[in-house]
Amino acid sequence: MPQFTSPRPLQLTLRKPRNPLVAPAMKRQAGRHQTPQDARTLRQQARLDLRKLLRERFPDDSP
């Protein structure tokens, strides 16, 4: 025989107020991640920019 036969209340009374920072965090969604192609292109462009900068600053006068 069940010990508790009374129905549960529909509205639960909360003892503590909710944290106001939780609700916006729950609604946030993750953004689109970079594809490997995008990351590779960025690395390649940065490498070329660095190489160009070094060539301008330290010219190679070797034959």
C-alpha atoms as a PDB file:
ATOM      1  CA  MET A   1       0.000   0.000   0.000  1.00  0.00           C
ATOM      2  CA  PRO A   2       1.474   3.388  -0.989  1.00  0.00           C
ATOM      3  CA  GLN A   3       2.478   5.617   1.832  1.00  0.00           C
ATOM      4  CA  PHE A   4       1.634   8.973   0.168  1.00  0.00           C
ATOM      5  CA  THR A   5      -1.771   9.092  -1.509  1.00  0.00           C
ATOM      6  CA  SER A   6      -2.412  12.851  -1.654  1.00  0.00           C
ATOM      7  CA  PRO A   7      -1.784  14.560  -5.011  1.00  0.00           C
ATOM      8  CA  ARG A   8       1.303  16.678  -5.403  1.00  0.00           C
ATOM      9  CA  PRO A   9       0.817  20.473  -5.622  1.00  0.00           C
ATOM     10  CA  LEU A  10       0.875  21.949  -9.118  1.00  0.00           C
ATOM     11  CA  GLN A  11       2.841  25.024  -8.081  1.00  0.00           C
ATOM     12  CA  LEU A  12       5.978  24.444  -6.060  1.00  0.00           C
ATOM     13  CA  THR A  13       6.869  27.221  -3.669  1.00  0.00           C
ATOM     14  CA  LEU A  14      10.555  27.991  -3.985  1.00  0.00           C
ATOM     15  CA  ARG A  15      12.370  28.950  -0.833  1.00  0.00           C
ATOM     16  CA  LYS A  16      15.181  30.901  -2.497  1.00  0.00           C
ATOM     17  CA  PRO A  17      14.942  33.552  -5.222  1.00  0.00           C
ATOM     18  CA  ARG A  18      16.320  32.530  -8.601  1.00  0.00           C
ATOM     19  CA  ASN A  19      19.707  33.752  -9.683  1.00  0.00           C
ATOM     20  CA  PRO A  20      19.033  36.491 -12.302  1.00  0.00           C
ATOM     21  CA  LEU A  21      22.209  35.554 -14.194  1.00  0.00           C
ATOM     22  CA  VAL A  22      21.030  32.011 -14.873  1.00  0.00           C
ATOM     23  CA  ALA A  23      18.123  32.809 -17.214  1.00  0.00           C
ATOM     24  CA  PRO A  24      20.169  34.691 -19.877  1.00  0.00           C
ATOM     25  CA  ALA A  25      22.853  32.007 -19.728  1.00  0.00           C
ATOM     26  CA  MET A  26      20.281  29.291 -20.396  1.00  0.00           C
ATOM     27  CA  LYS A  27      19.017  31.152 -23.496  1.00  0.00           C
ATOM     28  CA  ARG A  28      22.488  31.571 -25.038  1.00  0.00           C
ATOM     29  CA  GLN A  29      23.425  29.424 -27.981  1.00  0.00           C
ATOM     30  CA  ALA A  30      26.844  28.506 -29.261  1.00  0.00           C
ATOM     31  CA  GLY A  31      28.101  30.280 -32.345  1.00  0.00           C
ATOM     32  CA  ARG A  32      29.314  28.682 -35.533  1.00  0.00           C
ATOM     33  CA  HIS A  33      32.796  27.269 -35.223  1.00  0.00           C
ATOM     34  CA  GLN A  34      35.432  27.846 -37.848  1.00  0.00           C
ATOM     35  CA  THR A  35      35.900  25.155 -40.395  1.00  0.00           C
ATOM     36  CA  PRO A  36      39.402  23.686 -40.713  1.00  0.00           C
ATOM     37  CA  GLN A  37      39.695  25.412 -44.106  1.00  0.00           C
ATOM     38  CA  ASP A  38      39.067  28.835 -42.525  1.00  0.00           C
ATOM     39  CA  ALA A  39      41.624  28.220 -39.786  1.00  0.00           C
ATOM     40  CA  ARG A  40      44.193  26.996 -42.312  1.00  0.00           C
ATOM     41  CA  THR A  41      43.653  30.072 -44.497  1.00  0.00           C
ATOM     42  CA  LEU A  42      44.104  32.393 -41.514  1.00  0.00           C
ATOM     43  CA  ARG A  43      47.332  30.667 -40.474  1.00  0.00           C
ATOM     44  CA  GLN A  44      48.680  30.770 -44.016  1.00  0.00           C
ATOM     45  CA  GLN A  45      47.843  34.465 -44.379  1.00  0.00           C
ATOM     46  CA  ALA A  46      49.490  35.282 -41.039  1.00  0.00           C
ATOM     47  CA  ARG A  47      52.604  33.345 -42.060  1.00  0.00           C
ATOM     48  CA  LEU A  48      52.818  35.216 -45.377  1.00  0.00           C
ATOM     49  CA  ASP A  49      52.312  38.587 -43.658  1.00  0.00           C
ATOM     50  CA  LEU A  50      55.090  37.816 -41.176  1.00  0.00           C
ATOM     51  CA  ARG A  51      57.425  36.722 -43.958  1.00  0.00           C
ATOM     52  CA  LYS A  52      56.715  39.934 -45.890  1.00  0.00           C
ATOM     53  CA  LEU A  53      57.294  42.070 -42.799  1.00  0.00           C
ATOM     54  CA  LEU A  54      60.613  40.355 -42.068  1.00  0.00           C
ATOM     55  CA  ARG A  55      61.776  40.762 -45.670  1.00  0.00           C
ATOM     56  CA  GLU A  56      61.019  44.492 -45.572  1.00  0.00           C
ATOM     57  CA  ARG A  57      62.781  44.984 -42.254  1.00  0.00           C
ATOM     58  CA  PHE A  58      65.803  42.722 -42.917  1.00  0.00           C
ATOM     59  CA  PRO A  59      66.470  42.647 -46.673  1.00  0.00           C
ATOM     60  CA  ASP A  60      68.500  39.722 -47.949  1.00  0.00           C
ATOM     61  CA  ASP A  61      71.329  41.051 -50.117  1.00  0.00           C
ATOM     62  CA  SER A  62      72.839  37.681 -50.858  1.00  0.00           C
ATOM     63  CA  PRO A  63      73.429  36.757 -54.515  1.00  0.00           C
END
